[in-house]
Protein backbone atom coordinates (compact mmCIF):
# COMPACT_ATOMS: atom_id res chain seq x y z
CA MET A 1 152.58 6.98 107.64
CA ASN A 2 155.44 9.19 108.76
CA THR A 3 155.70 12.63 107.23
CA LEU A 4 158.24 12.01 104.30
CA GLU A 5 156.18 9.41 103.30
CA ASN A 6 152.84 11.94 102.89
CA ILE A 7 155.96 14.67 101.47
CA LYS A 8 156.29 11.80 98.96
CA THR A 9 152.54 10.94 98.41
CA LEU A 10 151.41 14.69 98.18
CA TYR A 11 154.54 15.52 95.59
CA GLN A 12 152.83 12.62 93.55
CA VAL A 13 149.40 13.76 93.64
CA ILE A 14 150.95 17.18 92.42
CA ALA A 15 152.80 15.92 90.02
CA TYR A 16 150.08 13.70 88.49
CA ARG A 17 147.79 16.97 88.76
CA LEU A 18 149.97 18.97 86.57
CA THR A 19 150.39 16.90 84.28
CA GLN A 20 147.23 15.39 84.24
CA ASN A 21 145.74 16.67 80.36
CA ARG A 22 149.20 16.23 78.55
CA TYR A 23 148.01 14.09 75.80
CA ASP A 24 150.61 13.68 72.74
CA LEU A 25 147.75 12.75 70.22
CA ASP A 26 150.83 12.09 68.08
CA TYR A 27 153.07 10.35 70.07
CA CYS A 28 154.69 6.35 68.81
CA PRO A 29 158.17 5.53 69.66
CA SER A 30 160.52 5.21 66.77
CA GLY A 31 161.91 1.41 66.44
CA LEU A 32 158.60 -0.43 66.89
CA ASN A 33 156.67 -1.91 63.98
CA PRO A 34 154.45 0.27 62.63
CA LYS A 35 152.21 -2.31 61.51
CA LYS A 36 151.56 -3.34 65.24
CA PHE A 37 152.20 0.46 66.56
CA ALA A 38 150.59 3.72 66.21
CA SER A 39 149.68 7.26 67.37
CA VAL A 40 146.51 7.21 69.11
CA ARG A 41 145.99 9.22 66.01
CA ASP A 42 146.18 7.27 63.53
CA ALA A 43 144.44 4.38 65.39
CA ILE A 44 141.28 5.79 66.47
CA ARG A 45 141.16 6.88 62.43
CA GLN A 46 139.87 3.25 62.00
CA ILE A 47 136.80 3.82 63.66
CA GLU A 48 134.61 4.00 61.19
CA ASN A 49 130.93 6.40 61.86
CA GLY A 50 128.85 4.39 63.33
CA SER A 51 130.79 1.75 65.44
CA THR A 52 129.65 -0.01 68.24
CA ILE A 53 132.58 0.37 70.88
CA ILE A 54 133.47 -0.68 73.66
CA THR A 55 136.07 1.07 77.07
CA ALA A 56 137.06 -1.34 79.79
CA GLY A 57 138.05 -0.19 82.77
CA MET A 58 136.16 0.75 86.17
CA ALA A 59 135.53 4.21 88.19
CA SER A 60 139.68 5.40 88.68
CA HIS A 61 140.78 2.31 87.65
CA SER A 62 142.86 1.60 84.24
CA ARG A 63 140.59 4.88 82.71
CA CYS A 64 141.10 5.20 78.72
CA SER A 65 141.58 8.75 79.07
CA LEU A 66 144.03 8.75 76.50
CA PHE A 67 140.64 7.35 74.27
CA PHE A 68 138.40 9.60 75.31
CA ASN A 69 140.61 12.68 74.51
CA ALA A 70 141.49 11.30 70.91
CA VAL A 71 138.51 10.31 70.14
CA ARG A 72 137.09 13.87 70.83
CA ASP A 73 140.15 15.57 69.51
CA LEU A 74 139.03 13.90 66.06
CA PHE A 75 135.50 14.69 65.98
CA LYS A 76 136.08 18.11 66.91
CA LYS A 77 138.61 18.84 64.00
CA THR A 78 136.81 16.90 60.98
CA GLY A 79 133.48 15.83 62.76
CA ASN A 80 134.86 11.87 62.83
CA PRO A 81 133.91 9.27 64.09
CA SER A 82 130.29 9.63 64.14
CA ASN A 83 127.37 8.92 65.46
CA LEU A 84 128.85 5.76 67.61
CA ARG A 85 126.94 3.36 69.73
CA TRP A 86 129.81 3.55 73.00
CA ILE A 87 129.52 0.57 75.47
CA SER A 88 130.83 -0.01 79.16
CA VAL A 89 130.39 -2.47 82.02
CA SER A 90 130.62 -0.05 85.04
CA ALA A 91 130.82 4.02 86.01
CA GLN A 92 133.08 5.57 83.66
CA GLY A 93 132.22 9.19 83.80
CA GLY A 94 133.68 12.25 86.12
CA ARG A 95 130.32 13.73 87.57
CA GLY A 96 131.35 16.72 85.40
CA LYS A 97 134.34 17.48 86.93
CA GLU A 98 136.70 15.52 86.54
CA PRO A 99 138.90 15.52 82.97
CA GLY A 100 139.86 12.15 81.28
CA THR A 101 137.35 10.46 81.14
CA ILE A 102 133.91 9.16 79.25
CA GLU A 103 132.21 12.39 79.71
CA GLU A 104 134.92 14.14 77.15
CA LEU A 105 132.78 12.56 74.33
CA ALA A 106 130.00 14.87 75.34
CA GLU A 107 129.65 15.81 72.13
CA PRO A 108 126.08 16.13 70.11
CA GLY A 109 126.36 14.03 67.18
CA LEU A 110 129.35 12.26 68.12
CA LEU A 111 127.75 9.24 70.34
CA SER A 112 124.04 8.10 68.97
CA GLU A 113 124.08 5.60 72.45
CA TYR A 114 125.48 4.79 75.77
CA ILE A 115 125.24 1.57 76.88
CA THR A 116 126.40 1.04 80.45
CA GLY A 117 125.75 -0.42 84.11
CA HIS A 118 126.41 2.52 86.19
CA LEU A 119 125.23 6.06 84.60
CA GLU A 120 125.35 8.59 87.50
CA THR A 121 129.18 9.65 87.57
CA ALA A 122 128.35 10.60 83.39
CA LYS A 123 126.23 13.81 84.10
CA THR A 124 127.78 15.46 81.01
CA LEU A 125 126.09 12.82 78.94
CA LEU A 126 122.65 12.14 80.83
CA ALA A 127 122.27 16.06 80.05
CA LEU A 128 122.62 15.72 76.99
CA GLY A 129 120.00 12.45 77.27
CA ASP A 130 117.97 15.21 78.59
CA GLU A 131 118.13 17.49 75.89
CA LYS A 132 116.89 14.60 73.16
CA LYS A 133 121.07 14.31 71.78
CA ILE A 134 121.57 10.97 73.15
CA GLU A 135 120.42 7.68 73.90
CA LEU A 136 120.69 5.90 77.23
CA HIS A 137 120.27 2.42 78.19
CA VAL A 138 121.06 0.79 81.15
CA MET A 139 121.44 -3.01 81.95
CA PRO A 140 122.98 -5.04 84.97
CA GLN A 141 126.72 -5.35 84.52
CA GLY A 142 126.82 -8.57 85.07
CA GLU A 143 125.15 -9.55 82.09
CA ILE A 144 127.27 -7.03 79.55
CA THR A 145 130.03 -9.33 80.77
CA ALA A 146 128.20 -11.97 80.42
CA LEU A 147 127.51 -10.78 76.47
CA LEU A 148 131.16 -10.02 76.63
CA VAL A 149 131.54 -13.30 76.96
CA ALA A 150 128.80 -14.43 73.75
CA GLN A 151 129.83 -12.35 71.59
CA ALA A 152 133.71 -13.78 71.73
CA LYS A 153 131.92 -17.49 71.12
CA GLY A 154 129.71 -16.09 68.45
CA ASP A 155 126.39 -15.83 70.09
CA MET A 156 124.11 -12.39 70.62
CA VAL A 157 121.89 -13.13 73.05
CA ILE A 158 121.93 -14.07 77.12
CA GLU A 159 118.70 -15.98 79.33
CA SER A 160 119.34 -14.59 83.08
CA LYS A 161 117.10 -14.34 85.77
CA THR A 162 118.44 -11.15 86.45
CA GLY A 163 115.99 -8.70 86.52
CA ILE A 164 112.82 -10.55 86.47
CA GLY A 165 110.24 -8.75 89.39
CA THR A 166 112.98 -5.13 88.41
CA PHE A 167 112.12 -2.72 86.36
CA LEU A 168 113.91 -4.12 83.42
CA ASP A 169 111.33 -6.99 83.45
CA PRO A 170 109.28 -7.12 80.33
CA GLU A 171 106.73 -8.62 81.45
CA LEU A 172 105.78 -5.23 84.03
CA GLY A 173 106.92 -2.99 81.21
CA GLY A 174 110.60 -2.62 80.87
CA THR A 175 112.99 -1.88 79.27
CA THR A 176 117.29 -1.25 78.51
CA ALA A 177 116.15 2.73 78.08
CA VAL A 178 117.00 5.21 80.15
CA THR A 179 115.71 8.31 77.61
CA PRO A 180 111.71 8.59 77.41
CA HIS A 181 112.81 9.26 73.59
CA THR A 182 114.40 6.16 73.19
CA ARG A 183 112.22 3.70 71.53
CA HIS A 184 113.92 -0.02 71.35
CA SER A 185 115.25 -1.91 73.74
CA TYR A 186 117.53 -4.57 74.31
CA ILE A 187 115.65 -6.82 76.08
CA SER A 188 112.82 -9.39 75.87
CA LYS A 189 111.10 -12.37 77.54
CA LYS A 190 112.04 -15.83 76.59
CA ASN A 191 111.62 -19.17 78.48
CA GLY A 192 110.87 -17.96 81.53
CA ASN A 193 114.18 -15.22 81.68
CA ILE A 194 115.29 -12.17 80.64
CA ALA A 195 117.07 -12.29 76.94
CA TYR A 196 119.49 -9.54 77.13
CA THR A 197 121.57 -8.49 73.87
CA LEU A 198 124.26 -5.79 72.59
CA PRO A 199 124.69 -4.63 69.26
CA LYS A 200 128.14 -6.70 67.65
CA ILE A 201 131.33 -4.78 69.29
CA ASP A 202 133.40 -3.53 66.57
CA VAL A 203 136.54 -1.81 68.48
CA ALA A 204 137.22 -2.30 72.10
CA LEU A 205 139.56 0.18 73.60
CA PHE A 206 141.38 -0.72 76.81
CA CYS A 207 144.26 -0.53 78.46
CA ALA A 208 146.77 -2.31 80.07
CA PRO A 209 150.28 -2.30 81.88
CA TYR A 210 152.59 -3.71 79.06
CA ALA A 211 153.16 -4.77 75.43
CA ASP A 212 156.29 -6.78 74.49
CA ARG A 213 157.93 -5.87 70.95
CA GLU A 214 155.30 -8.62 68.74
CA GLY A 215 152.70 -7.44 70.16
CA ASN A 216 151.15 -9.36 73.11
CA ILE A 217 149.36 -7.67 75.96
CA TYR A 218 150.52 -7.61 79.70
CA PHE A 219 148.33 -7.02 82.93
CA MET A 220 151.39 -7.08 85.68
CA ASN A 221 150.91 -4.58 87.97
CA ALA A 222 147.59 -3.67 86.96
CA SER A 223 144.97 -2.80 89.41
CA SER A 224 142.16 -3.93 87.55
CA ILE A 225 141.76 -6.15 84.25
CA SER A 226 138.15 -5.69 84.87
CA GLU A 227 136.32 -6.80 81.34
CA SER A 228 139.46 -5.72 78.95
CA LYS A 229 139.93 -9.35 77.90
CA GLU A 230 136.72 -10.20 77.63
CA ALA A 231 136.41 -7.01 74.83
CA ALA A 232 138.70 -7.98 73.06
CA LEU A 233 138.14 -11.98 72.38
CA ALA A 234 134.06 -10.11 71.43
CA ALA A 235 135.72 -7.16 69.21
CA TYR A 236 138.12 -9.77 67.57
CA HIS A 237 135.79 -12.77 67.07
CA ASN A 238 133.47 -9.83 65.46
CA GLY A 239 136.33 -8.86 63.04
CA GLY A 240 136.56 -5.87 65.04
CA LYS A 241 139.86 -4.11 66.13
CA VAL A 242 141.30 -4.41 69.32
CA ILE A 243 143.80 -1.32 70.39
CA PRO A 244 145.34 -1.19 73.99
CA THR A 245 147.21 1.24 75.32
CA VAL A 246 150.23 0.53 76.72
CA CYS A 247 152.76 2.50 79.20
CA ASP A 248 155.44 0.79 78.15
CA ILE A 249 157.11 -1.97 76.40
CA ILE A 250 159.18 -4.91 78.01
CA GLU A 251 160.68 -8.08 77.26
CA LYS A 252 158.44 -11.24 75.90
CA ASN A 253 157.49 -13.35 78.31
CA GLU A 254 154.89 -16.66 77.46
CA ALA A 255 153.65 -17.09 81.11
CA GLU A 256 152.37 -13.03 81.55
CA ILE A 257 150.61 -13.01 78.30
CA GLY A 258 147.20 -11.62 79.28
CA ILE A 259 145.94 -11.07 76.01
CA PRO A 260 148.10 -12.76 72.57
CA LYS A 261 149.22 -10.94 69.33
CA GLU A 262 147.29 -12.04 66.87
CA VAL A 263 144.27 -10.98 68.79
CA ILE A 264 145.79 -7.65 68.48
CA THR A 265 145.47 -4.50 65.69
CA SER A 266 146.90 -1.84 66.88
CA ILE A 267 149.30 -0.80 69.94
CA ILE A 268 149.90 2.41 71.63
CA VAL A 269 152.64 3.06 73.89
CA ASN A 270 152.02 6.15 76.60
CA PRO A 271 154.19 7.22 79.02
CA PHE A 272 151.07 8.88 81.23
CA ASN A 273 149.21 5.49 81.40
CA GLU A 274 147.23 5.41 84.56
CA GLN A 275 147.40 2.40 87.08
CA ALA A 276 144.49 4.33 88.81
CA ALA A 277 143.85 8.25 89.04
CA GLY A 278 146.43 9.93 90.72
CA VAL A 279 149.19 6.46 89.69
CA ARG A 280 150.68 6.77 86.39
CA GLN A 281 151.03 2.60 85.28
CA LYS A 282 155.02 3.65 85.34
CA LYS A 283 155.30 4.20 88.64
CA TYR A 284 152.86 1.97 89.81
CA PHE A 285 151.33 1.04 93.58
CA PRO A 286 152.76 -2.00 94.72
CA LEU A 287 149.45 -2.48 96.72
CA PHE A 288 147.10 -2.61 94.03
CA THR A 289 148.91 -5.39 92.70
CA ALA A 290 148.20 -9.53 92.37
CA GLY A 291 149.98 -11.14 95.12
CA ALA A 292 151.29 -7.84 96.70
CA THR A 293 152.43 -8.24 100.45
CA VAL A 294 152.71 -4.35 101.32
CA ASP A 295 152.85 -3.26 105.05
CA VAL A 296 148.42 -2.72 104.94
CA GLU A 297 148.10 -0.65 107.96
CA LYS A 298 150.63 2.10 105.69
CA ALA A 299 148.76 0.88 102.39
CA VAL A 300 145.41 2.26 104.21
CA LYS A 301 147.08 5.59 105.48
CA LYS A 302 148.53 6.26 102.10
CA LEU A 303 145.53 6.34 100.11
CA GLN A 304 142.81 7.77 103.20
CA PHE A 305 145.86 10.60 102.97
CA ILE A 306 145.36 10.67 98.68
CA ASN A 307 141.31 10.75 99.85
CA LYS A 308 141.70 13.30 101.91
CA LEU A 309 143.81 15.67 99.57
CA ALA A 310 141.34 14.89 96.63
CA ARG A 311 138.86 15.98 99.03
CA VAL A 312 136.79 12.28 97.78
CA ASN A 313 135.44 11.12 100.85
CA PRO A 314 132.73 12.61 102.77
CA VAL A 315 133.11 13.71 106.31
CA ARG A 316 131.22 11.54 108.42
CA THR A 317 128.86 12.15 110.92
CA PRO A 318 128.65 10.64 114.77
CA VAL A 319 125.40 9.15 113.60
CA GLU A 320 126.57 8.00 110.77
CA ASN A 321 129.58 6.50 112.36
CA ALA A 322 126.91 5.02 114.70
CA MET A 323 125.01 3.19 111.87
CA ALA A 324 128.28 2.25 110.48
CA ARG A 325 129.08 0.41 113.78
CA MET A 326 125.11 -1.02 113.74
CA ALA A 327 125.54 -2.62 110.05
CA ALA A 328 129.62 -4.09 111.14
CA MET A 329 128.27 -5.73 114.14
CA LEU A 330 124.71 -6.90 112.47
CA PHE A 331 127.45 -8.22 109.55
CA THR A 332 129.26 -9.90 112.52
CA THR A 333 125.76 -12.30 113.35
CA GLN A 334 125.53 -12.92 109.60
CA ALA A 335 128.83 -13.63 108.65
CA LYS A 336 130.74 -16.02 109.06
CA LYS A 337 134.63 -16.71 109.17
CA GLY A 338 135.82 -18.14 105.41
CA ASP A 339 132.46 -16.20 104.20
CA LEU A 340 133.23 -14.43 100.08
CA VAL A 341 131.95 -11.01 100.85
CA ASN A 342 131.27 -7.98 98.71
CA LEU A 343 130.72 -4.56 99.91
CA GLY A 344 129.16 -1.85 98.06
CA ILE A 345 130.45 2.03 97.52
CA GLY A 346 129.91 5.23 100.13
CA LEU A 347 128.57 3.43 103.72
CA PRO A 348 128.97 0.12 103.03
CA GLU A 349 133.25 1.21 102.58
CA GLU A 350 132.94 2.54 106.65
CA VAL A 351 131.20 -1.12 107.23
CA GLY A 352 134.87 -2.10 105.56
CA ARG A 353 136.67 -0.11 107.51
CA LEU A 354 135.15 -1.61 110.78
CA ILE A 355 135.89 -4.97 110.02
CA TYR A 356 140.02 -4.07 109.53
CA GLU A 357 139.78 -1.93 112.09
CA GLY A 358 138.50 -5.02 114.39
CA GLY A 359 141.08 -7.42 113.12
CA LEU A 360 137.97 -10.07 111.64
CA HIS A 361 139.27 -9.60 107.69
CA LYS A 362 141.79 -11.85 108.23
CA ASP A 363 138.73 -14.64 108.20
CA LEU A 364 137.14 -13.27 105.46
CA THR A 365 137.59 -12.94 101.42
CA PHE A 366 136.70 -9.82 100.42
CA SER A 367 135.97 -8.85 95.98
CA SER A 368 135.08 -6.58 94.06
CA GLU A 369 133.13 -6.95 90.79
CA SER A 370 136.13 -4.96 88.75
CA GLY A 371 138.46 -8.56 89.27
CA PRO A 372 140.10 -7.94 93.12
CA TYR A 373 139.35 -11.01 94.78
CA GLY A 374 141.13 -11.29 98.60
CA GLY A 375 142.95 -8.51 100.50
CA ILE A 376 141.57 -4.87 101.59
CA PRO A 377 139.12 -3.12 99.87
CA ALA A 378 140.60 -0.21 98.59
CA ALA A 379 138.28 3.10 99.38
CA GLY A 380 137.29 6.64 98.00
CA LEU A 381 139.00 7.67 94.94
CA TYR A 382 139.95 3.78 93.98
CA PHE A 383 136.92 2.45 94.89
CA GLY A 384 136.74 -1.00 93.17
CA GLY A 385 140.23 -1.50 93.63
CA SER A 386 142.35 -3.74 96.72
CA ILE A 387 145.16 -3.64 98.73
CA ASN A 388 147.10 -6.59 98.42
CA PRO A 389 144.33 -8.66 96.22
CA LYS A 390 146.26 -12.48 95.91
CA GLU A 391 144.37 -12.49 92.14
CA LEU A 392 143.18 -9.91 89.83
CA LYS A 393 140.14 -11.95 88.01
CA SER A 394 137.88 -10.40 85.18
CA SER A 395 135.32 -8.68 85.84
CA ALA A 396 132.48 -11.44 83.87
CA TRP A 397 134.76 -14.02 86.23
CA MET A 398 134.04 -12.62 89.44
CA PHE A 399 129.94 -12.06 88.43
CA ASN A 400 130.24 -15.52 87.28
CA HIS A 401 131.70 -17.01 90.56
CA TYR A 402 129.43 -14.81 92.70
CA LYS A 403 126.32 -17.04 91.28
CA GLU A 404 127.18 -19.45 93.85
CA ASN A 405 129.82 -18.65 95.99
CA LEU A 406 128.97 -15.27 97.26
CA SER A 407 128.44 -15.53 101.30
CA ILE A 408 127.21 -11.36 102.17
CA THR A 409 127.29 -8.11 100.85
CA VAL A 410 126.60 -4.58 101.86
CA LEU A 411 125.28 -2.18 99.94
CA GLY A 412 123.29 1.28 99.64
CA ILE A 413 119.90 2.54 99.20
CA LEU A 414 117.31 4.80 98.20
CA GLN A 415 114.44 3.31 98.70
CA VAL A 416 112.18 0.90 100.42
CA ASP A 417 108.60 0.02 99.93
CA SER A 418 105.92 -1.76 102.07
CA GLN A 419 107.12 -5.23 100.65
CA GLY A 420 110.86 -4.36 101.77
CA ASN A 421 111.32 -3.60 97.80
CA VAL A 422 114.63 -1.91 96.65
CA ASN A 423 115.51 1.94 94.50
CA VAL A 424 118.62 1.63 94.25
CA SER A 425 118.52 3.02 90.58
CA ARG A 426 116.23 6.19 90.00
CA ARG A 427 116.35 9.02 91.94
CA GLY A 428 113.72 10.78 89.93
CA ASP A 429 111.87 11.57 87.15
CA LYS A 430 114.49 13.85 85.08
CA VAL A 431 117.35 12.12 83.06
CA SER A 432 120.32 13.67 84.38
CA ASN A 433 118.61 12.18 88.21
CA TYR A 434 119.46 8.24 87.16
CA VAL A 435 121.82 6.14 88.10
CA GLY A 436 121.67 3.02 86.68
CA PRO A 437 121.82 -0.60 88.63
CA GLY A 438 125.52 -1.30 88.50
CA GLY A 439 126.13 -4.90 89.20
CA PHE A 440 123.67 -4.49 92.84
CA MET A 441 121.53 -7.15 90.59
CA ASN A 442 124.00 -9.31 90.15
CA ILE A 443 125.25 -9.14 93.85
CA SER A 444 121.74 -8.70 95.55
CA ASN A 445 120.82 -11.99 93.51
CA SER A 446 123.48 -13.92 94.04
CA ALA A 447 124.45 -13.03 97.74
CA LYS A 448 122.71 -15.35 101.34
CA THR A 449 123.01 -12.82 102.87
CA VAL A 450 122.49 -9.20 102.03
CA ILE A 451 122.71 -5.78 104.20
CA PHE A 452 121.25 -2.75 102.97
CA LEU A 453 122.49 0.25 104.37
CA GLY A 454 121.07 4.08 103.95
CA SER A 455 119.50 6.88 105.92
CA TYR A 456 116.07 6.23 106.77
CA MET A 457 115.24 9.83 105.91
CA ALA A 458 116.95 11.79 102.56
CA LYS A 459 118.25 15.44 103.69
CA ALA A 460 116.68 15.12 107.56
CA LYS A 461 119.09 16.22 110.19
CA THR A 462 120.02 14.38 113.25
CA LYS A 463 122.09 14.41 116.03
CA LEU A 464 123.65 12.37 119.10
CA LYS A 465 123.06 13.68 122.17
CA LYS A 466 123.71 11.73 125.83
CA GLY A 467 123.46 8.70 124.07
CA ASN A 468 120.42 9.31 122.41
CA LEU A 469 119.19 9.53 118.54
CA ILE A 470 117.36 13.36 118.40
CA ILE A 471 115.77 14.38 115.15
CA GLU A 472 116.36 18.02 114.73
CA LYS A 473 114.61 18.38 111.13
CA LYS A 474 112.51 15.74 109.70
CA GLY A 475 113.53 14.81 105.69
CA ILE A 476 112.21 12.43 102.84
CA PRO A 477 110.99 9.66 103.77
CA LYS A 478 113.02 6.84 102.01
CA PHE A 479 110.76 4.50 103.02
CA VAL A 480 107.51 4.55 100.63
CA ASP A 481 104.36 2.98 99.77
CA LYS A 482 105.52 3.51 96.32
CA LEU A 483 109.62 3.02 94.72
CA ASN A 484 110.41 4.86 91.99
CA GLU A 485 111.85 2.36 90.19
CA VAL A 486 112.05 -1.73 91.84
CA THR A 487 115.88 -2.72 91.82
CA PHE A 488 115.56 -5.97 94.54
CA ASN A 489 112.50 -7.88 94.64
CA ALA A 490 111.87 -8.72 97.86
CA LYS A 491 109.88 -12.14 97.31
CA LEU A 492 111.87 -13.18 95.32
CA ALA A 493 114.58 -13.29 97.80
CA LEU A 494 112.49 -14.45 100.13
CA GLU A 495 111.71 -17.39 97.76
CA SER A 496 114.70 -18.01 97.58
CA GLY A 497 116.15 -18.30 100.64
CA LYS A 498 117.74 -15.29 101.08
CA LYS A 499 118.62 -12.99 104.78
CA VAL A 500 118.21 -9.76 104.29
CA PHE A 501 118.42 -6.67 106.91
CA TYR A 502 118.31 -3.00 106.38
CA VAL A 503 120.56 -0.74 108.73
CA THR A 504 119.15 2.82 109.08
CA THR A 505 119.87 6.06 111.17
CA VAL A 506 116.45 5.23 113.45
CA GLY A 507 117.48 1.20 113.74
CA ILE A 508 117.51 -1.97 112.36
CA PHE A 509 114.76 -3.60 109.71
CA ARG A 510 114.34 -7.01 108.58
CA LEU A 511 112.29 -8.92 105.33
CA THR A 512 110.06 -11.53 106.47
CA LYS A 513 106.93 -12.86 104.39
CA GLN A 514 105.17 -10.52 106.27
CA GLY A 515 106.92 -6.94 105.36
CA VAL A 516 109.37 -5.11 107.07
CA GLU A 517 110.13 -5.50 110.66
CA LEU A 518 111.92 -3.22 113.14
CA VAL A 519 113.80 -5.13 115.07
CA LYS A 520 116.59 -2.59 116.55
CA VAL A 521 115.77 0.69 118.03
CA MET A 522 118.00 3.81 118.30
CA PRO A 523 117.47 5.01 121.73
CA GLY A 524 115.75 7.89 122.33
CA LEU A 525 112.99 7.76 119.38
CA ASP A 526 109.40 7.03 120.04
CA ILE A 527 108.92 4.53 117.48
CA GLN A 528 104.86 6.05 116.37
CA LYS A 529 106.24 9.71 116.26
CA ASP A 530 109.76 9.03 114.98
CA ILE A 531 109.64 6.17 112.64
CA LEU A 532 106.22 5.62 111.60
CA ASP A 533 105.10 8.49 111.16
CA ASN A 534 108.30 9.56 108.88
CA SER A 535 106.90 6.97 106.65
CA SER A 536 104.70 6.11 103.79
CA ALA A 537 105.70 2.62 104.03
CA ASP A 538 103.99 0.07 106.47
CA ILE A 539 106.39 -1.48 108.76
CA ILE A 540 105.85 -4.37 111.29
CA VAL A 541 106.44 -3.49 115.44
CA PRO A 542 106.46 -5.82 117.32
CA GLU A 543 105.81 -6.21 121.19
CA ASN A 544 109.23 -5.97 122.11
CA VAL A 545 111.61 -3.24 120.18
CA GLU A 546 115.32 -4.17 121.21
CA VAL A 547 116.97 -0.80 121.19
CA VAL A 548 120.25 -0.08 120.12
CA SER A 549 123.54 -0.50 122.94
CA ASP A 550 125.24 2.23 123.71
CA ASN A 551 128.76 1.49 122.85
CA ILE A 552 127.62 1.31 119.18
CA ILE A 553 125.91 4.58 120.15
CA THR A 554 128.75 6.34 121.30
CA GLY A 555 131.35 3.68 119.98
CA THR A 556 132.75 3.17 123.50
CA ASN A 557 134.05 -0.09 124.07
CA TYR A 558 132.79 -0.82 120.29
CA LYS A 559 134.82 -4.28 119.17
CA LEU A 560 133.71 -6.36 117.08
CA GLN A 561 133.78 -10.07 117.41
CA TRP A 562 132.10 -13.74 115.70
CA ALA A 563 128.95 -14.46 117.15
């Protein structure tokens, strides 16, 4: 990206920041049908106390910022609406820092419950949970989307094998409740499956790019559709309210209608609607849109520049870069041309970068649980979006498609035990340490090959010196005899025929029937002193363990190619 483009992007980011909190809650353009179009303040007044509400969107994509601010404003002024159950499929928080997220609702008495797949970013709601001022629940994102589809058909319960053998399994004492003071759960065991349910959805709130004057909704130029359509149809079937916010009014186009006017209760027109964080829908980034054909290299650099400005992406250490190269090289031996791929957030994004830089992305179909199908996964602030996606599907469609078609995934880890079980959902005992399963369970259950990627010890100090890994300070073991909770069941994975690997700071492990086996070790390490003694888990060490090659350690002459 040249200097002029950098300046333009910088100007756009600054302009966004300066107007980020600009919400005219009484704004409604003149000349529109008052029975269909309303200000957000008037639309929110339709929400009754005790209602069950869902907001669509994932992370920075299609954020419902206007709704979050409007509900909070009305509650603080009038005390209503109150005692709300709120549902989101994926992460919608701002880690206690970013305005315009679901954390705007962290007012005691406003929410009675929050049900989601991913809690980690909703720091202020987690804090309310610690204070017993809200009840928090989690379930896999795929099951939440499936329940939206079910409610649109009049069904309140779905049965699924997702979650069996994990912290959600009722036979193992599993529950959806995260807060200890919560006495009810949204799951039970039925016919050997887990039966999931949700409260009946009364109100669906979501962002869409456009509406026409009749009230039809359009998703052209969106960066994600997420679960907007399923949420709308669920609320509509339940006799509830469906309220989108759009950035503009366009001419009617029958072929492009995303949600018909009959489903919609009220529409809010807001010129400050976002396509994604830092990107107003009126000045949308074409690179995120379905069927886009922008210059990929320029688009990647543009997003990298914004992530750097926003200080979103951590600066990777040489050791982390070596880990990513190790995982990417392993990926090339397990994936094949034509595979459908999903990459998790964090270090797995670095694997995606290496695959792109190596040119192998042309032979693969990348995807995200938020709906983008094809293209290049966007990283950092824009995780969940894609550059030049072939199509934008719904979250429900994607999770269902994964069941039979997902070939390989790269996901993060918090802990691994002797059997190869994985925890990604709980960091510690306090409610404020909770993460949630997100889409991890659905993705890891669906993929034929799973590559886990993460450090071997938390808070350890390591460095590379003369081609060797040096452990300067030991950290907290992540390979342990007992997990905080089980999010991935290794035994069931093996029984289903999966191939499972664990790429870490110290080398690569694989899952076997006997347990976790070390198959590659970083140069310079003593297996007993540096690996086995820094783990409370049992690790199988064969007689000969291959040493990771120098090109992976240094990056010199490192080149990805199909095995």
